[in-house]
Amino acid sequence: MKLWSAFYPDVAIEVHGAPDPVVDFWLRAAATEFFARSKAHVGALDDDVALAGQMEYALDPPTRMDVVEICAVAFAGQPLDPAAPGALGKRFGDWLSETGTPTHYTQRGDLTSVLLVPAPIDAGGSIKVAAALAPGSAAVGIDDALFARWHSAISAGCKAKMMMMPSVSWANPDRAAVHTATFESAIQAATTAANDGFVRSRPRFSGKFC
């Protein structure tokens, strides 16, 4: 784990006099935006075990991380197809009361749970979820591998946001525009890399995550 202080050398060279808590706040904001928009960090959540008749299962992301998007779900070793509630209604009718062997998954807007459709008729099946993750509001840093690959982009995003702050000694709208362009370009590159890593239109659980 690299704490936000690991970014200070990149940030302090241009943002002079900013208190560390302010820098930490904007580093976290930049990192959250970067991973939320690019979906560049995909990880396996803790496995769950199906209960007979239970359709909804809480998502359990790593500490201080938030789920941005569910990328793939498998039940008892079989990949499930994603489906919107409207499509499930057309296929199953009253899908909220349907039971059987799950073939699809859907989710609520708050990204705190996943719903298996139909609800498992038997208990014991393993539920595996791969999800795009981003630092949460209590994050104190990012993983070493993410830092190594994306620290320059996150630093640029932090500097862009801080240099646009009004009435501070480090404000610099011209440099902020330069760093914003760097940040946006990095997000586009990371998005492309993430899309190459898994098929977004028809996710399939492979047991291996980028």
C-alpha atoms as a PDB file:
ATOM      1  CA  MET A   1       0.000   0.000   0.000  1.00  0.00           C
ATOM      2  CA  LYS A   2       1.270   3.450  -0.969  1.00  0.00           C
ATOM      3  CA  LEU A   3      -0.053   6.220   1.276  1.00  0.00           C
ATOM      4  CA  TRP A   4      -1.068   9.537  -0.243  1.00  0.00           C
ATOM      5  CA  SER A   5       2.240  10.941   1.037  1.00  0.00           C
ATOM      6  CA  ALA A   6       4.011   8.851  -1.638  1.00  0.00           C
ATOM      7  CA  PHE A   7       2.574  11.288  -4.193  1.00  0.00           C
ATOM      8  CA  TYR A   8       3.933  14.391  -2.436  1.00  0.00           C
ATOM      9  CA  PRO A   9       7.179  14.711  -4.469  1.00  0.00           C
ATOM     10  CA  ASP A  10       5.158  14.857  -7.707  1.00  0.00           C
ATOM     11  CA  VAL A  11       2.635  17.319  -6.320  1.00  0.00           C
ATOM     12  CA  ALA A  12       4.745  19.593  -4.110  1.00  0.00           C
ATOM     13  CA  ILE A  13       7.057  20.563  -6.950  1.00  0.00           C
ATOM     14  CA  GLU A  14       4.243  22.754  -8.327  1.00  0.00           C
ATOM     15  CA  VAL A  15       1.749  23.142  -5.509  1.00  0.00           C
ATOM     16  CA  HIS A  16       3.729  25.125  -2.941  1.00  0.00           C
ATOM     17  CA  GLY A  17       2.492  25.738   0.572  1.00  0.00           C
ATOM     18  CA  ALA A  18      -0.554  23.476   0.531  1.00  0.00           C
ATOM     19  CA  PRO A  19      -1.186  21.704   3.864  1.00  0.00           C
ATOM     20  CA  ASP A  20      -0.825  17.929   3.744  1.00  0.00           C
ATOM     21  CA  PRO A  21      -4.506  17.274   4.614  1.00  0.00           C
ATOM     22  CA  VAL A  22      -5.551  19.414   1.632  1.00  0.00           C
ATOM     23  CA  VAL A  23      -3.191  17.531  -0.673  1.00  0.00           C
ATOM     24  CA  ASP A  24      -4.482  14.212   0.675  1.00  0.00           C
ATOM     25  CA  PHE A  25      -8.089  15.276   0.031  1.00  0.00           C
ATOM     26  CA  TRP A  26      -7.425  16.143  -3.608  1.00  0.00           C
ATOM     27  CA  LEU A  27      -5.224  13.101  -4.213  1.00  0.00           C
ATOM     28  CA  ARG A  28      -8.065  10.899  -2.987  1.00  0.00           C
ATOM     29  CA  ALA A  29     -10.539  12.828  -5.152  1.00  0.00           C
ATOM     30  CA  ALA A  30      -8.316  12.466  -8.218  1.00  0.00           C
ATOM     31  CA  ALA A  31      -7.716   8.754  -7.611  1.00  0.00           C
ATOM     32  CA  THR A  32     -11.419   8.097  -7.068  1.00  0.00           C
ATOM     33  CA  GLU A  33     -12.361   9.927 -10.266  1.00  0.00           C
ATOM     34  CA  PHE A  34      -9.610   8.199 -12.232  1.00  0.00           C
ATOM     35  CA  PHE A  35     -10.645   4.660 -11.296  1.00  0.00           C
ATOM     36  CA  ALA A  36     -14.383   5.360 -11.298  1.00  0.00           C
ATOM     37  CA  ARG A  37     -14.287   6.693 -14.845  1.00  0.00           C
ATOM     38  CA  SER A  38     -11.705   4.324 -16.341  1.00  0.00           C
ATOM     39  CA  LYS A  39     -12.761   1.087 -14.568  1.00  0.00           C
ATOM     40  CA  ALA A  40      -9.035   0.312 -14.645  1.00  0.00           C
ATOM     41  CA  HIS A  41      -8.917  -1.582 -11.330  1.00  0.00           C
ATOM     42  CA  VAL A  42     -10.859  -4.857 -11.426  1.00  0.00           C
ATOM     43  CA  GLY A  43     -10.707  -7.284  -8.527  1.00  0.00           C
ATOM     44  CA  ALA A  44     -12.399 -10.364  -7.145  1.00  0.00           C
ATOM     45  CA  LEU A  45     -14.715  -9.778  -4.202  1.00  0.00           C
ATOM     46  CA  ASP A  46     -15.000 -12.293  -1.396  1.00  0.00           C
ATOM     47  CA  ASP A  47     -16.967 -15.382  -2.431  1.00  0.00           C
ATOM     48  CA  ASP A  48     -20.472 -15.856  -1.061  1.00  0.00           C
ATOM     49  CA  VAL A  49     -22.570 -18.990  -0.613  1.00  0.00           C
ATOM     50  CA  ALA A  50     -26.100 -19.151  -1.980  1.00  0.00           C
ATOM     51  CA  LEU A  51     -29.057 -19.656   0.315  1.00  0.00           C
ATOM     52  CA  ALA A  52     -32.178 -21.374  -0.971  1.00  0.00           C
ATOM     53  CA  GLY A  53     -34.718 -18.797  -2.110  1.00  0.00           C
ATOM     54  CA  GLN A  54     -32.433 -15.814  -1.477  1.00  0.00           C
ATOM     55  CA  MET A  55     -32.034 -13.592  -4.528  1.00  0.00           C
ATOM     56  CA  GLU A  56     -29.991 -10.650  -3.187  1.00  0.00           C
ATOM     57  CA  TYR A  57     -26.415 -10.860  -1.884  1.00  0.00           C
ATOM     58  CA  ALA A  58     -24.394  -8.020  -0.388  1.00  0.00           C
ATOM     59  CA  LEU A  59     -21.184  -7.013  -2.138  1.00  0.00           C
ATOM     60  CA  ASP A  60     -18.078  -6.990   0.047  1.00  0.00           C
ATOM     61  CA  PRO A  61     -15.356  -4.818  -1.532  1.00  0.00           C
ATOM     62  CA  PRO A  62     -11.893  -4.538   0.032  1.00  0.00           C
ATOM     63  CA  THR A  63     -11.505  -2.175   2.972  1.00  0.00           C
ATOM     64  CA  ARG A  64     -11.762   1.497   1.996  1.00  0.00           C
ATOM     65  CA  MET A  65     -12.734   0.636  -1.592  1.00  0.00           C
ATOM     66  CA  ASP A  66     -16.069   1.141  -3.338  1.00  0.00           C
ATOM     67  CA  VAL A  67     -17.657  -0.912  -6.106  1.00  0.00           C
ATOM     68  CA  VAL A  68     -17.929   1.146  -9.296  1.00  0.00           C
ATOM     69  CA  GLU A  69     -19.376  -1.525 -11.562  1.00  0.00           C
ATOM     70  CA  ILE A  70     -19.982  -5.258 -11.526  1.00  0.00           C
ATOM     71  CA  CYS A  71     -17.975  -6.797 -14.363  1.00  0.00           C
ATOM     72  CA  ALA A  72     -18.796 -10.502 -14.065  1.00  0.00           C
ATOM     73  CA  VAL A  73     -20.733 -12.902 -11.848  1.00  0.00           C
ATOM     74  CA  ALA A  74     -20.581 -16.695 -11.677  1.00  0.00           C
ATOM     75  CA  PHE A  75     -22.829 -19.128  -9.822  1.00  0.00           C
ATOM     76  CA  ALA A  76     -21.631 -22.649  -9.081  1.00  0.00           C
ATOM     77  CA  GLY A  77     -18.866 -22.194 -11.646  1.00  0.00           C
ATOM     78  CA  GLN A  78     -21.164 -21.001 -14.430  1.00  0.00           C
ATOM     79  CA  PRO A  79     -21.046 -17.412 -15.746  1.00  0.00           C
ATOM     80  CA  LEU A  80     -24.273 -15.435 -15.513  1.00  0.00           C
ATOM     81  CA  ASP A  81     -25.568 -12.952 -18.076  1.00  0.00           C
ATOM     82  CA  PRO A  82     -26.158  -9.348 -16.990  1.00  0.00           C
ATOM     83  CA  ALA A  83     -29.707  -8.072 -17.447  1.00  0.00           C
ATOM     84  CA  ALA A  84     -31.651  -4.914 -16.665  1.00  0.00           C
ATOM     85  CA  PRO A  85     -34.820  -5.295 -14.566  1.00  0.00           C
ATOM     86  CA  GLY A  86     -36.992  -4.481 -17.593  1.00  0.00           C
ATOM     87  CA  ALA A  87     -35.449  -7.283 -19.636  1.00  0.00           C
ATOM     88  CA  LEU A  88     -35.889  -9.683 -16.722  1.00  0.00           C
ATOM     89  CA  GLY A  89     -39.574  -8.782 -16.567  1.00  0.00           C
ATOM     90  CA  LYS A  90     -40.013  -9.670 -20.225  1.00  0.00           C
ATOM     91  CA  ARG A  91     -38.194 -12.987 -19.775  1.00  0.00           C
ATOM     92  CA  PHE A  92     -39.546 -14.172 -16.429  1.00  0.00           C
ATOM     93  CA  GLY A  93     -42.613 -12.048 -15.713  1.00  0.00           C
ATOM     94  CA  ASP A  94     -42.583 -11.605 -11.930  1.00  0.00           C
ATOM     95  CA  TRP A  95     -38.848 -12.193 -11.763  1.00  0.00           C
ATOM     96  CA  LEU A  96     -38.567 -11.106  -8.121  1.00  0.00           C
ATOM     97  CA  SER A  97     -40.427 -14.250  -7.067  1.00  0.00           C
ATOM     98  CA  GLU A  98     -38.814 -16.610  -9.594  1.00  0.00           C
ATOM     99  CA  THR A  99     -36.743 -19.534  -8.268  1.00  0.00           C
ATOM    100  CA  GLY A 100     -34.585 -22.065 -10.064  1.00  0.00           C
ATOM    101  CA  THR A 101     -30.983 -22.183 -11.297  1.00  0.00           C
ATOM    102  CA  PRO A 102     -29.628 -18.640 -11.708  1.00  0.00           C
ATOM    103  CA  THR A 103     -28.901 -17.645 -15.304  1.00  0.00           C
ATOM    104  CA  HIS A 104     -28.756 -13.847 -14.983  1.00  0.00           C
ATOM    105  CA  TYR A 105     -27.724 -11.158 -12.565  1.00  0.00           C
ATOM    106  CA  THR A 106     -28.807  -7.603 -12.017  1.00  0.00           C
ATOM    107  CA  GLN A 107     -28.042  -4.920  -9.457  1.00  0.00           C
ATOM    108  CA  ARG A 108     -29.463  -2.021  -7.547  1.00  0.00           C
ATOM    109  CA  GLY A 109     -28.387   1.542  -8.219  1.00  0.00           C
ATOM    110  CA  ASP A 110     -26.421   1.865  -4.981  1.00  0.00           C
ATOM    111  CA  LEU A 111     -24.004  -0.941  -6.007  1.00  0.00           C
ATOM    112  CA  THR A 112     -24.158  -2.554  -2.570  1.00  0.00           C
ATOM    113  CA  SER A 113     -25.599  -5.883  -3.705  1.00  0.00           C
ATOM    114  CA  VAL A 114     -26.105  -8.245  -6.636  1.00  0.00           C
ATOM    115  CA  LEU A 115     -29.323 -10.109  -7.430  1.00  0.00           C
ATOM    116  CA  LEU A 116     -29.273 -13.611  -8.935  1.00  0.00           C
ATOM    117  CA  VAL A 117     -32.195 -14.408 -11.232  1.00  0.00           C
ATOM    118  CA  PRO A 118     -33.922 -16.769 -10.731  1.00  0.00           C
ATOM    119  CA  ALA A 119     -33.204 -16.986  -6.989  1.00  0.00           C
ATOM    120  CA  PRO A 120     -31.304 -20.213  -6.233  1.00  0.00           C
ATOM    121  CA  ILE A 121     -33.663 -23.052  -5.455  1.00  0.00           C
ATOM    122  CA  ASP A 122     -30.936 -24.929  -3.546  1.00  0.00           C
ATOM    123  CA  ALA A 123     -28.398 -23.742  -0.985  1.00  0.00           C
ATOM    124  CA  GLY A 124     -24.640 -24.097  -1.233  1.00  0.00           C
ATOM    125  CA  GLY A 125     -23.726 -22.794  -4.667  1.00  0.00           C
ATOM    126  CA  SER A 126     -20.650 -20.550  -4.758  1.00  0.00           C
ATOM    127  CA  ILE A 127     -21.171 -16.946  -5.890  1.00  0.00           C
ATOM    128  CA  LYS A 128     -18.146 -15.188  -7.382  1.00  0.00           C
ATOM    129  CA  VAL A 129     -18.103 -11.535  -8.373  1.00  0.00           C
ATOM    130  CA  ALA A 130     -15.523  -9.462 -10.269  1.00  0.00           C
ATOM    131  CA  ALA A 131     -15.977  -5.719  -9.915  1.00  0.00           C
ATOM    132  CA  ALA A 132     -14.356  -2.458 -10.923  1.00  0.00           C
ATOM    133  CA  LEU A 133     -13.172  -0.710  -7.770  1.00  0.00           C
ATOM    134  CA  ALA A 134     -12.225   2.822  -6.729  1.00  0.00           C
ATOM    135  CA  PRO A 135     -10.884   4.342  -3.500  1.00  0.00           C
ATOM    136  CA  GLY A 136     -13.662   5.199  -1.054  1.00  0.00           C
ATOM    137  CA  SER A 137     -14.052   8.294   1.098  1.00  0.00           C
ATOM    138  CA  ALA A 138     -11.895   6.776   3.861  1.00  0.00           C
ATOM    139  CA  ALA A 139      -9.057   5.609   1.580  1.00  0.00           C
ATOM    140  CA  VAL A 140      -5.560   6.464   2.806  1.00  0.00           C
ATOM    141  CA  GLY A 141      -3.700   5.410  -0.350  1.00  0.00           C
ATOM    142  CA  ILE A 142      -3.675   2.866  -3.178  1.00  0.00           C
ATOM    143  CA  ASP A 143      -2.057  -0.505  -3.860  1.00  0.00           C
ATOM    144  CA  ASP A 144       1.596  -0.561  -4.872  1.00  0.00           C
ATOM    145  CA  ALA A 145       0.860  -1.893  -8.359  1.00  0.00           C
ATOM    146  CA  LEU A 146      -1.718   0.809  -9.039  1.00  0.00           C
ATOM    147  CA  PHE A 147       0.668   3.472  -7.772  1.00  0.00           C
ATOM    148  CA  ALA A 148       3.459   2.220 -10.019  1.00  0.00           C
ATOM    149  CA  ARG A 149       1.262   2.354 -13.119  1.00  0.00           C
ATOM    150  CA  TRP A 150      -0.913   5.407 -12.517  1.00  0.00           C
ATOM    151  CA  HIS A 151       0.812   7.718 -10.032  1.00  0.00           C
ATOM    152  CA  SER A 152       1.666  10.331 -12.686  1.00  0.00           C
ATOM    153  CA  ALA A 153      -1.934  10.476 -13.882  1.00  0.00           C
ATOM    154  CA  ILE A 154      -3.332  10.777 -10.359  1.00  0.00           C
ATOM    155  CA  SER A 155      -0.758  13.433  -9.484  1.00  0.00           C
ATOM    156  CA  ALA A 156      -1.771  15.399 -12.588  1.00  0.00           C
ATOM    157  CA  GLY A 157      -5.430  15.163 -11.599  1.00  0.00           C
ATOM    158  CA  CYS A 158      -4.638  16.335  -8.087  1.00  0.00           C
ATOM    159  CA  LYS A 159      -2.602  19.306  -9.324  1.00  0.00           C
ATOM    160  CA  ALA A 160      -5.298  20.259 -11.817  1.00  0.00           C
ATOM    161  CA  LYS A 161      -7.949  20.326  -9.105  1.00  0.00           C
ATOM    162  CA  MET A 162      -5.787  22.172  -6.589  1.00  0.00           C
ATOM    163  CA  MET A 163      -4.615  24.803  -9.071  1.00  0.00           C
ATOM    164  CA  MET A 164      -8.237  25.653  -9.848  1.00  0.00           C
ATOM    165  CA  MET A 165      -8.977  26.437  -6.193  1.00  0.00           C
ATOM    166  CA  PRO A 166      -9.855  30.126  -5.691  1.00  0.00           C
ATOM    167  CA  SER A 167      -7.946  32.451  -3.376  1.00  0.00           C
ATOM    168  CA  VAL A 168      -5.001  30.175  -2.603  1.00  0.00           C
ATOM    169  CA  SER A 169      -1.325  30.856  -3.146  1.00  0.00           C
ATOM    170  CA  TRP A 170      -0.880  27.823  -5.422  1.00  0.00           C
ATOM    171  CA  ALA A 171      -3.724  28.705  -7.813  1.00  0.00           C
ATOM    172  CA  ASN A 172      -2.633  28.598 -11.460  1.00  0.00           C
ATOM    173  CA  PRO A 173      -5.442  28.203 -14.018  1.00  0.00           C
ATOM    174  CA  ASP A 174      -3.046  27.952 -16.960  1.00  0.00           C
ATOM    175  CA  ARG A 175      -1.101  25.062 -15.430  1.00  0.00           C
ATOM    176  CA  ALA A 176      -4.373  23.540 -14.236  1.00  0.00           C
ATOM    177  CA  ALA A 177      -5.508  23.315 -17.858  1.00  0.00           C
ATOM    178  CA  VAL A 178      -2.299  21.489 -18.805  1.00  0.00           C
ATOM    179  CA  HIS A 179      -2.675  18.993 -15.972  1.00  0.00           C
ATOM    180  CA  THR A 180      -6.369  18.511 -16.765  1.00  0.00           C
ATOM    181  CA  ALA A 181      -5.466  17.533 -20.324  1.00  0.00           C
ATOM    182  CA  THR A 182      -2.876  15.055 -19.013  1.00  0.00           C
ATOM    183  CA  PHE A 183      -5.393  13.606 -16.562  1.00  0.00           C
ATOM    184  CA  GLU A 184      -8.107  13.221 -19.200  1.00  0.00           C
ATOM    185  CA  SER A 185      -5.691  11.589 -21.638  1.00  0.00           C
ATOM    186  CA  ALA A 186      -4.606   9.108 -18.968  1.00  0.00           C
ATOM    187  CA  ILE A 187      -8.233   8.238 -18.179  1.00  0.00           C
ATOM    188  CA  GLN A 188      -8.869   7.531 -21.867  1.00  0.00           C
ATOM    189  CA  ALA A 189      -5.776   5.324 -22.061  1.00  0.00           C
ATOM    190  CA  ALA A 190      -6.723   3.460 -18.885  1.00  0.00           C
ATOM    191  CA  THR A 191     -10.277   2.978 -20.138  1.00  0.00           C
ATOM    192  CA  THR A 192      -8.982   1.445 -23.354  1.00  0.00           C
ATOM    193  CA  ALA A 193      -6.679  -0.863 -21.394  1.00  0.00           C
ATOM    194  CA  ALA A 194      -9.559  -1.938 -19.139  1.00  0.00           C
ATOM    195  CA  ASN A 195     -11.832  -2.627 -22.095  1.00  0.00           C
ATOM    196  CA  ASP A 196      -9.131  -4.764 -23.679  1.00  0.00           C
ATOM    197  CA  GLY A 197      -8.912  -6.750 -20.459  1.00  0.00           C
ATOM    198  CA  PHE A 198     -12.508  -7.955 -20.374  1.00  0.00           C
ATOM    199  CA  VAL A 199     -15.514  -7.909 -22.703  1.00  0.00           C
ATOM    200  CA  ARG A 200     -17.882  -5.285 -21.343  1.00  0.00           C
ATOM    201  CA  SER A 201     -20.895  -6.147 -23.528  1.00  0.00           C
ATOM    202  CA  ARG A 202     -21.084  -9.806 -22.415  1.00  0.00           C
ATOM    203  CA  PRO A 203     -18.978 -10.292 -19.265  1.00  0.00           C
ATOM    204  CA  ARG A 204     -17.797 -13.807 -18.595  1.00  0.00           C
ATOM    205  CA  PHE A 205     -16.261 -14.974 -15.336  1.00  0.00           C
ATOM    206  CA  SER A 206     -12.919 -16.646 -15.976  1.00  0.00           C
ATOM    207  CA  GLY A 207     -11.482 -16.840 -12.478  1.00  0.00           C
ATOM    208  CA  LYS A 208      -8.638 -14.544 -13.503  1.00  0.00           C
ATOM    209  CA  PHE A 209      -8.680 -10.804 -12.979  1.00  0.00           C
ATOM    210  CA  CYS A 210      -6.614  -7.970 -14.358  1.00  0.00           C
END
